[in-house]
């Protein structure tokens, strides 16, 4: 499509209460899967994963709590850049930026967005 997007900002862990609430809103099979998966680790076979799912389902029943390794993130945008290819390298490029002032634990107060057109 000859387009690019670049996002920059601050990433912080969600508060535990927020992660707990979101985890409990997920389907039971998804919550069991979170316990069974060793996410991004090598897996020898699908059978191994299914066996882990069965073990965790038996262990947690119908009300699994959130695993300690499972949680969410907030992405506080500070900059967005868009690039669109143009003929003969006459591309379109624009960037929007804003400041983020700390506003307590894991939170920021964003300033107004500033727009800038960039040379390609």
C-alpha atoms as a PDB file:
ATOM      1  CA  UNK A   1       0.000   0.000   0.000  1.00  0.00           C
ATOM      2  CA  UNK A   2       3.092   2.233   0.128  1.00  0.00           C
ATOM      3  CA  UNK A   3       2.206   3.718   3.508  1.00  0.00           C
ATOM      4  CA  UNK A   4       3.843   3.702   6.912  1.00  0.00           C
ATOM      5  CA  UNK A   5       2.732   4.692  10.392  1.00  0.00           C
ATOM      6  CA  UNK A   6       5.085   5.330  13.268  1.00  0.00           C
ATOM      7  CA  UNK A   7       3.883   5.637  16.870  1.00  0.00           C
ATOM      8  CA  UNK A   8       6.007   6.815  19.799  1.00  0.00           C
ATOM      9  CA  UNK A   9       5.140   7.211  23.439  1.00  0.00           C
ATOM     10  CA  UNK A  10       5.228   5.875  26.953  1.00  0.00           C
ATOM     11  CA  UNK A  11       4.145   2.334  27.792  1.00  0.00           C
ATOM     12  CA  UNK A  12       3.168   1.524  31.373  1.00  0.00           C
ATOM     13  CA  UNK A  13       1.634  -1.505  33.065  1.00  0.00           C
ATOM     14  CA  UNK A  14      -2.070  -1.270  33.825  1.00  0.00           C
ATOM     15  CA  UNK A  15      -2.984  -1.205  37.504  1.00  0.00           C
ATOM     16  CA  UNK A  16      -3.596  -4.716  38.890  1.00  0.00           C
ATOM     17  CA  UNK A  17      -7.267  -3.958  39.523  1.00  0.00           C
ATOM     18  CA  UNK A  18      -7.783  -3.039  35.871  1.00  0.00           C
ATOM     19  CA  UNK A  19      -5.990  -6.182  34.664  1.00  0.00           C
ATOM     20  CA  UNK A  20      -8.050  -8.287  37.097  1.00  0.00           C
ATOM     21  CA  UNK A  21     -11.313  -6.773  35.842  1.00  0.00           C
ATOM     22  CA  UNK A  22     -10.433  -7.316  32.195  1.00  0.00           C
ATOM     23  CA  UNK A  23      -9.196 -10.864  32.825  1.00  0.00           C
ATOM     24  CA  UNK A  24     -12.432 -11.806  34.609  1.00  0.00           C
ATOM     25  CA  UNK A  25     -14.481 -10.446  31.682  1.00  0.00           C
ATOM     26  CA  UNK A  26     -12.862 -12.885  29.241  1.00  0.00           C
ATOM     27  CA  UNK A  27     -14.358 -16.241  28.290  1.00  0.00           C
ATOM     28  CA  UNK A  28     -13.498 -19.104  30.658  1.00  0.00           C
ATOM     29  CA  UNK A  29     -11.560 -20.943  27.936  1.00  0.00           C
ATOM     30  CA  UNK A  30      -9.401 -17.863  27.357  1.00  0.00           C
ATOM     31  CA  UNK A  31      -8.673 -17.558  31.082  1.00  0.00           C
ATOM     32  CA  UNK A  32      -7.657 -21.234  31.276  1.00  0.00           C
ATOM     33  CA  UNK A  33      -5.545 -20.742  28.150  1.00  0.00           C
ATOM     34  CA  UNK A  34      -3.682 -17.898  29.866  1.00  0.00           C
ATOM     35  CA  UNK A  35      -2.615 -20.304  32.604  1.00  0.00           C
ATOM     36  CA  UNK A  36      -1.729 -23.097  30.162  1.00  0.00           C
ATOM     37  CA  UNK A  37       0.321 -21.086  27.688  1.00  0.00           C
ATOM     38  CA  UNK A  38       3.998 -20.418  28.207  1.00  0.00           C
ATOM     39  CA  UNK A  39       3.604 -17.577  25.736  1.00  0.00           C
ATOM     40  CA  UNK A  40       6.315 -17.261  23.086  1.00  0.00           C
ATOM     41  CA  UNK A  41       8.291 -20.217  24.455  1.00  0.00           C
ATOM     42  CA  UNK A  42       9.111 -23.091  22.071  1.00  0.00           C
ATOM     43  CA  UNK A  43       6.370 -25.752  21.982  1.00  0.00           C
ATOM     44  CA  UNK A  44       7.149 -29.305  20.901  1.00  0.00           C
ATOM     45  CA  UNK A  45       3.598 -30.195  19.845  1.00  0.00           C
ATOM     46  CA  UNK A  46      -0.013 -29.099  19.974  1.00  0.00           C
ATOM     47  CA  UNK A  47      -0.706 -32.180  22.109  1.00  0.00           C
ATOM     48  CA  UNK A  48       1.549 -30.727  24.819  1.00  0.00           C
ATOM     49  CA  UNK A  49      -0.441 -27.502  24.830  1.00  0.00           C
ATOM     50  CA  UNK A  50      -3.780 -29.336  24.963  1.00  0.00           C
ATOM     51  CA  UNK A  51      -2.510 -31.435  27.869  1.00  0.00           C
ATOM     52  CA  UNK A  52      -1.527 -28.254  29.733  1.00  0.00           C
ATOM     53  CA  UNK A  53      -4.990 -26.787  29.038  1.00  0.00           C
ATOM     54  CA  UNK A  54      -6.633 -29.895  30.537  1.00  0.00           C
ATOM     55  CA  UNK A  55      -4.363 -29.769  33.601  1.00  0.00           C
ATOM     56  CA  UNK A  56      -5.059 -26.066  34.205  1.00  0.00           C
ATOM     57  CA  UNK A  57      -8.807 -26.510  33.656  1.00  0.00           C
ATOM     58  CA  UNK A  58      -8.851 -29.233  36.326  1.00  0.00           C
ATOM     59  CA  UNK A  59      -6.738 -27.116  38.675  1.00  0.00           C
ATOM     60  CA  UNK A  60      -8.688 -23.847  38.347  1.00  0.00           C
ATOM     61  CA  UNK A  61     -12.253 -25.000  37.714  1.00  0.00           C
ATOM     62  CA  UNK A  62     -14.733 -22.390  36.555  1.00  0.00           C
ATOM     63  CA  UNK A  63     -13.263 -19.334  38.294  1.00  0.00           C
ATOM     64  CA  UNK A  64      -9.558 -18.970  37.469  1.00  0.00           C
ATOM     65  CA  UNK A  65      -7.901 -15.869  38.874  1.00  0.00           C
ATOM     66  CA  UNK A  66      -5.489 -13.803  36.808  1.00  0.00           C
ATOM     67  CA  UNK A  67      -2.028 -15.370  36.507  1.00  0.00           C
ATOM     68  CA  UNK A  68       0.750 -13.212  37.960  1.00  0.00           C
ATOM     69  CA  UNK A  69       2.454 -12.978  34.544  1.00  0.00           C
ATOM     70  CA  UNK A  70      -0.709 -11.739  32.786  1.00  0.00           C
ATOM     71  CA  UNK A  71      -1.580  -8.062  32.548  1.00  0.00           C
ATOM     72  CA  UNK A  72      -2.232  -5.146  30.310  1.00  0.00           C
ATOM     73  CA  UNK A  73      -0.459  -2.015  29.195  1.00  0.00           C
ATOM     74  CA  UNK A  74      -1.421   1.570  28.503  1.00  0.00           C
ATOM     75  CA  UNK A  75       0.239   3.237  25.528  1.00  0.00           C
ATOM     76  CA  UNK A  76       0.377   7.013  25.977  1.00  0.00           C
ATOM     77  CA  UNK A  77       1.007   8.467  22.525  1.00  0.00           C
ATOM     78  CA  UNK A  78       3.528  11.289  22.236  1.00  0.00           C
ATOM     79  CA  UNK A  79       4.045  11.245  18.474  1.00  0.00           C
ATOM     80  CA  UNK A  80       2.333   9.910  15.368  1.00  0.00           C
ATOM     81  CA  UNK A  81       3.986  10.043  11.964  1.00  0.00           C
ATOM     82  CA  UNK A  82       2.357   9.151   8.660  1.00  0.00           C
ATOM     83  CA  UNK A  83       4.231   8.556   5.401  1.00  0.00           C
ATOM     84  CA  UNK A  84       2.584   8.012   2.007  1.00  0.00           C
ATOM     85  CA  UNK A  85       4.609   7.176  -1.070  1.00  0.00           C
ATOM     86  CA  UNK A  86       4.508   9.703  -3.887  1.00  0.00           C
ATOM     87  CA  UNK A  87       5.747   9.627  -7.450  1.00  0.00           C
ATOM     88  CA  UNK A  88       9.427  10.438  -7.994  1.00  0.00           C
ATOM     89  CA  UNK A  89      10.143  10.351  -4.231  1.00  0.00           C
ATOM     90  CA  UNK A  90       7.855  13.320  -3.615  1.00  0.00           C
ATOM     91  CA  UNK A  91       6.256  11.579  -0.646  1.00  0.00           C
ATOM     92  CA  UNK A  92       3.773  12.983   1.855  1.00  0.00           C
ATOM     93  CA  UNK A  93       4.948  12.999   5.456  1.00  0.00           C
ATOM     94  CA  UNK A  94       3.269  14.482   8.508  1.00  0.00           C
ATOM     95  CA  UNK A  95       3.961  14.265  12.237  1.00  0.00           C
ATOM     96  CA  UNK A  96       1.799  15.081  15.242  1.00  0.00           C
ATOM     97  CA  UNK A  97       3.416  15.493  18.671  1.00  0.00           C
ATOM     98  CA  UNK A  98       2.324  16.364  22.188  1.00  0.00           C
ATOM     99  CA  UNK A  99       3.878  16.487  25.628  1.00  0.00           C
ATOM    100  CA  UNK A 100       2.983  14.132  28.448  1.00  0.00           C
ATOM    101  CA  UNK A 101       3.166  15.438  31.994  1.00  0.00           C
ATOM    102  CA  UNK A 102       3.316  12.834  34.785  1.00  0.00           C
ATOM    103  CA  UNK A 103      -0.019  12.711  36.627  1.00  0.00           C
ATOM    104  CA  UNK A 104       0.466  10.091  39.309  1.00  0.00           C
ATOM    105  CA  UNK A 105       1.313   6.432  39.187  1.00  0.00           C
ATOM    106  CA  UNK A 106       1.169   5.152  35.582  1.00  0.00           C
ATOM    107  CA  UNK A 107      -0.776   8.153  34.290  1.00  0.00           C
ATOM    108  CA  UNK A 108      -0.030  11.242  32.241  1.00  0.00           C
ATOM    109  CA  UNK A 109      -1.797  14.455  31.351  1.00  0.00           C
ATOM    110  CA  UNK A 110      -1.420  14.963  27.609  1.00  0.00           C
ATOM    111  CA  UNK A 111      -0.832  18.388  26.125  1.00  0.00           C
ATOM    112  CA  UNK A 112      -2.411  19.577  22.883  1.00  0.00           C
ATOM    113  CA  UNK A 113      -1.369  17.991  19.597  1.00  0.00           C
ATOM    114  CA  UNK A 114       0.987  19.953  17.342  1.00  0.00           C
ATOM    115  CA  UNK A 115       0.960  19.160  13.606  1.00  0.00           C
ATOM    116  CA  UNK A 116       3.990  19.414  11.333  1.00  0.00           C
ATOM    117  CA  UNK A 117       4.433  18.585   7.666  1.00  0.00           C
ATOM    118  CA  UNK A 118       7.878  17.061   6.968  1.00  0.00           C
ATOM    119  CA  UNK A 119      10.077  16.903   3.926  1.00  0.00           C
ATOM    120  CA  UNK A 120      10.341  13.357   2.627  1.00  0.00           C
END
